[in-house]
Amino acid sequence: MDSPYTDPILDWYDANARDLPWRAPDASPWGVLVSEIMLQQTPVARVLPVWHAWLERWPEPAALAAEASGEAVRAWGRLGYPRRALRLHESARAIVERHGGRVPESHEDLLALPGIGAYTAAAVASFAYRQRHAVLDTNVRRVLARLCTGEEYPPKSQTRAEVRLAESLLPLDPPTAARWSVAVMELGALVCTARSPRCADCPVLDRCAWQDAGRPAYSGPPRRGQTYAGTDRQCRGRLLAVLRDAAGPVEKPLLDVVWADAVQRERALDALISDGLVDPLDDGRYALPA
């Protein structure tokens, strides 16, 4: 028997879901996989144009696998966390080598792809193949924390109790379970948001434990927002932008001018090289990986 939350949330989703291309009935499993990697820590509005360009250039894993990994980094643009581009490239090659170029259906096979963790494997199995898996991203964890446990925010790290709760709420029918997972995710993105939840618009407000408890404030460890300006991450982004925008390898001075702090700049460049995002050439120039 489905939970008392199932029908109201599914009905709300049918009426309010955003029209996103990776949710379309004809979206390919590859398109779903690309979207899940791109959407990690990145807003939908920033992902949409890059996703469209990526799928136009590389509509199948084999097309990406045939190109140099540096081209994936270049096409990633300013989405941030560019190691995700390398992971997608590695996954594309593994899909070609192990699965004949087709994104695997099995959760186990998805989990075995390079750089694919528990969340992404569950999401692709659910959203691309309509299977029954607990899909726990930040939005889902927040909704379930408020709805079922009366906490404003979930624990910092995912717990087994959260997984058990999510699994207990999954509808028994696999396609319905997959739709439920994306519906809860959408509810967290549009209504049960982190900072300013729109509780009046919630389809299960009358069944929310957090609301019933008087919406108690979070009392756990401090939740620190991420900073960006002046960080190594910003420095890495500027160095990588030079290489993305260049037609070929660049001289070191072209990298030096984009960041004044030499110590931080060299540290960031070393990290990019260590992560496989930049190739130091024998002639002293630098390039995206071949």
Foldseek 3Di string as FASTA:
>chain_A
DADPVQVLLLVVCVVDPDDAPCQDPPRALLLQLVCVLLPVVFDPVVVRVLSVVCCVQDVFLVSLLVDFLLVLLLSNAPSAPSLSSVQSNQQSVCCCVPPVRGQDLDLVVQCPRGPDHNQSSQLSNCRNVLFAAQRDDQLLQQQCCFQPVLANHHDPDDDPVSRVVSNVNQDPRRNSSSSSNVSSSVCSVPASDNPDHPLVPDSVSVRTNNVVVVNDHHDDDDDDDDDDPPDLRVLLSQLLVQQSPDPFWDAPVVSPVRDPPPVSNVVSVVVCVVSQQKDQDPVRTIHGGD
